Amino acid sequence: MGTVTELFVIMIIVATFAFLPLGYFIYKFTQEGGKPFGEIEPHGDSPSVVNDFAEKAIKFIQDKLAKK
């Protein structure tokens, strides 16, 4: 009978760690009034180093292909 109790305790611990991120998300969602990740800009208008690099790489490749 001890193994059933041990298994129950282990399953409760596993379930706690499995649902911990969901609980944190719900907590942050209700705390920030519907904005769980804070203020974000969904339109992508802000400058980005990665976007600038990608645009330069695409322009470079287009220029190389246009010369051929």
N, C-alpha and C. Protein backbone atom coordinates (compact mmCIF):
# COMPACT_ATOMS: atom_id res chain seq x y z
N MET A 1 0.81 -1.19 0.00
CA MET A 1 0.00 0.00 0.00
C MET A 1 0.86 1.26 0.00
N GLY A 2 2.09 1.14 0.46
CA GLY A 2 2.99 2.28 0.50
C GLY A 2 3.36 2.77 -0.89
N THR A 3 3.42 1.86 -1.86
CA THR A 3 3.80 2.28 -3.21
C THR A 3 2.71 3.13 -3.85
N VAL A 4 1.46 2.89 -3.55
CA VAL A 4 0.37 3.69 -4.10
C VAL A 4 0.45 5.12 -3.54
N THR A 5 0.72 5.24 -2.27
CA THR A 5 0.84 6.56 -1.66
C THR A 5 2.04 7.30 -2.22
N GLU A 6 3.17 6.61 -2.37
CA GLU A 6 4.36 7.24 -2.95
C GLU A 6 4.09 7.69 -4.37
N LEU A 7 3.41 6.86 -5.16
CA LEU A 7 3.07 7.21 -6.54
C LEU A 7 2.15 8.43 -6.58
N PHE A 8 1.19 8.49 -5.65
CA PHE A 8 0.27 9.63 -5.58
C PHE A 8 1.03 10.92 -5.29
N VAL A 9 1.95 10.87 -4.34
CA VAL A 9 2.73 12.05 -3.99
C VAL A 9 3.60 12.49 -5.16
N ILE A 10 4.23 11.55 -5.83
CA ILE A 10 5.08 11.86 -6.99
C ILE A 10 4.25 12.49 -8.10
N MET A 11 3.05 11.95 -8.34
CA MET A 11 2.19 12.50 -9.39
C MET A 11 1.73 13.91 -9.06
N ILE A 12 1.46 14.18 -7.78
CA ILE A 12 1.09 15.55 -7.38
C ILE A 12 2.25 16.51 -7.62
N ILE A 13 3.46 16.08 -7.30
CA ILE A 13 4.63 16.93 -7.52
C ILE A 13 4.85 17.18 -9.01
N VAL A 14 4.72 16.15 -9.84
CA VAL A 14 4.89 16.30 -11.29
C VAL A 14 3.81 17.22 -11.86
N ALA A 15 2.57 17.05 -11.42
CA ALA A 15 1.48 17.90 -11.91
C ALA A 15 1.70 19.36 -11.50
N THR A 16 2.22 19.57 -10.31
CA THR A 16 2.49 20.93 -9.86
C THR A 16 3.50 21.62 -10.77
N PHE A 17 4.58 20.93 -11.08
CA PHE A 17 5.60 21.52 -11.96
C PHE A 17 5.12 21.64 -13.40
N ALA A 18 4.21 20.74 -13.82
CA ALA A 18 3.70 20.81 -15.18
C ALA A 18 2.78 22.00 -15.38
N PHE A 19 1.97 22.33 -14.38
CA PHE A 19 1.01 23.42 -14.53
C PHE A 19 1.48 24.73 -13.94
N LEU A 20 2.68 24.78 -13.42
CA LEU A 20 3.23 26.01 -12.86
C LEU A 20 3.33 27.14 -13.89
N PRO A 21 3.82 26.89 -15.13
CA PRO A 21 3.85 27.99 -16.12
C PRO A 21 2.46 28.53 -16.46
N LEU A 22 1.47 27.65 -16.50
CA LEU A 22 0.11 28.09 -16.79
C LEU A 22 -0.41 28.98 -15.67
N GLY A 23 -0.15 28.59 -14.44
CA GLY A 23 -0.56 29.41 -13.30
C GLY A 23 0.12 30.76 -13.30
N TYR A 24 1.40 30.79 -13.65
CA TYR A 24 2.13 32.06 -13.71
C TYR A 24 1.55 32.96 -14.81
N PHE A 25 1.23 32.37 -15.96
CA PHE A 25 0.65 33.14 -17.06
C PHE A 25 -0.69 33.73 -16.64
N ILE A 26 -1.53 32.94 -16.00
CA ILE A 26 -2.83 33.44 -15.55
C ILE A 26 -2.65 34.54 -14.52
N TYR A 27 -1.70 34.37 -13.62
CA TYR A 27 -1.42 35.39 -12.61
C TYR A 27 -1.00 36.71 -13.27
N LYS A 28 -0.05 36.64 -14.22
CA LYS A 28 0.42 37.85 -14.89
C LYS A 28 -0.69 38.47 -15.74
N PHE A 29 -1.51 37.65 -16.36
CA PHE A 29 -2.59 38.14 -17.21
C PHE A 29 -3.60 38.94 -16.39
N THR A 30 -3.95 38.45 -15.22
CA THR A 30 -4.91 39.16 -14.39
C THR A 30 -4.27 40.35 -13.70
N GLN A 31 -2.98 40.30 -13.44
CA GLN A 31 -2.31 41.39 -12.73
C GLN A 31 -2.16 42.63 -13.62
N GLU A 32 -1.82 42.43 -14.88
CA GLU A 32 -1.56 43.55 -15.79
C GLU A 32 -2.82 44.02 -16.51
N GLY A 33 -3.98 43.56 -16.13
CA GLY A 33 -5.22 44.00 -16.78
C GLY A 33 -5.33 43.53 -18.21
N GLY A 34 -4.98 42.31 -18.49
CA GLY A 34 -5.11 41.76 -19.83
C GLY A 34 -3.87 41.86 -20.68
N LYS A 35 -2.76 42.31 -20.13
CA LYS A 35 -1.51 42.41 -20.87
C LYS A 35 -0.45 41.58 -20.14
N PRO A 36 -0.39 40.28 -20.40
CA PRO A 36 0.51 39.42 -19.62
C PRO A 36 1.99 39.67 -19.90
N PHE A 37 2.32 40.24 -21.02
CA PHE A 37 3.72 40.44 -21.37
C PHE A 37 4.11 41.91 -21.32
N GLY A 38 3.30 42.74 -20.72
CA GLY A 38 3.60 44.15 -20.64
C GLY A 38 3.25 44.87 -21.93
N GLU A 39 3.85 46.01 -22.12
CA GLU A 39 3.61 46.80 -23.33
C GLU A 39 4.46 46.26 -24.47
N ILE A 40 3.80 45.79 -25.51
CA ILE A 40 4.51 45.32 -26.70
C ILE A 40 3.98 46.07 -27.90
N GLU A 41 4.78 46.11 -28.95
CA GLU A 41 4.38 46.78 -30.17
C GLU A 41 4.12 45.71 -31.23
N PRO A 42 2.84 45.43 -31.51
CA PRO A 42 2.52 44.32 -32.42
C PRO A 42 2.78 44.61 -33.89
N HIS A 43 3.00 45.87 -34.24
CA HIS A 43 3.12 46.20 -35.66
C HIS A 43 4.52 46.03 -36.22
N GLY A 44 5.50 45.91 -35.38
CA GLY A 44 6.86 45.73 -35.85
C GLY A 44 7.49 47.00 -36.40
N ASP A 45 7.02 48.15 -35.97
CA ASP A 45 7.55 49.42 -36.47
C ASP A 45 8.84 49.82 -35.79
N SER A 46 9.17 49.18 -34.68
CA SER A 46 10.37 49.57 -33.96
C SER A 46 11.61 49.05 -34.69
N PRO A 47 12.73 49.77 -34.61
CA PRO A 47 13.95 49.33 -35.29
C PRO A 47 14.52 48.07 -34.66
N SER A 48 15.09 47.22 -35.50
CA SER A 48 15.65 45.96 -35.03
C SER A 48 16.96 45.70 -35.77
N VAL A 49 17.96 45.28 -35.03
CA VAL A 49 19.26 44.97 -35.63
C VAL A 49 19.14 43.79 -36.59
N VAL A 50 18.35 42.80 -36.20
CA VAL A 50 18.18 41.61 -37.04
C VAL A 50 17.46 41.97 -38.34
N ASN A 51 16.41 42.80 -38.25
CA ASN A 51 15.70 43.20 -39.46
C ASN A 51 16.58 44.03 -40.37
N ASP A 52 17.37 44.93 -39.79
CA ASP A 52 18.28 45.75 -40.60
C ASP A 52 19.30 44.87 -41.31
N PHE A 53 19.85 43.89 -40.60
CA PHE A 53 20.83 42.99 -41.21
C PHE A 53 20.19 42.16 -42.33
N ALA A 54 18.97 41.68 -42.10
CA ALA A 54 18.28 40.88 -43.11
C ALA A 54 18.00 41.73 -44.36
N GLU A 55 17.58 42.97 -44.16
CA GLU A 55 17.32 43.84 -45.30
C GLU A 55 18.59 44.12 -46.10
N LYS A 56 19.70 44.33 -45.39
CA LYS A 56 20.98 44.56 -46.08
C LYS A 56 21.42 43.32 -46.84
N ALA A 57 21.23 42.13 -46.26
CA ALA A 57 21.61 40.88 -46.93
C ALA A 57 20.76 40.66 -48.18
N ILE A 58 19.46 40.91 -48.07
CA ILE A 58 18.57 40.74 -49.23
C ILE A 58 18.95 41.74 -50.32
N LYS A 59 19.22 42.97 -49.95
CA LYS A 59 19.61 43.99 -50.94
C LYS A 59 20.93 43.59 -51.62
N PHE A 60 21.88 43.07 -50.84
CA PHE A 60 23.16 42.64 -51.38
C PHE A 60 22.97 41.51 -52.40
N ILE A 61 22.16 40.54 -52.06
CA ILE A 61 21.92 39.40 -52.96
C ILE A 61 21.18 39.87 -54.21
N GLN A 62 20.21 40.76 -54.05
CA GLN A 62 19.49 41.27 -55.22
C GLN A 62 20.44 42.03 -56.14
N ASP A 63 21.34 42.82 -55.59
CA ASP A 63 22.31 43.55 -56.41
C ASP A 63 23.24 42.59 -57.15
N LYS A 64 23.69 41.53 -56.49
CA LYS A 64 24.55 40.53 -57.14
C LYS A 64 23.83 39.79 -58.25
N LEU A 65 22.57 39.46 -58.03
CA LEU A 65 21.81 38.77 -59.06
C LEU A 65 21.46 39.68 -60.24
N ALA A 66 21.29 40.96 -59.97
CA ALA A 66 20.96 41.91 -61.03
C ALA A 66 22.15 42.15 -61.94
N LYS A 67 23.37 42.04 -61.44
CA LYS A 67 24.58 42.24 -62.24
C LYS A 67 24.82 41.10 -63.22
N LYS A 68 24.30 39.93 -62.94
CA LYS A 68 24.54 38.78 -63.83
C LYS A 68 23.72 38.83 -65.04
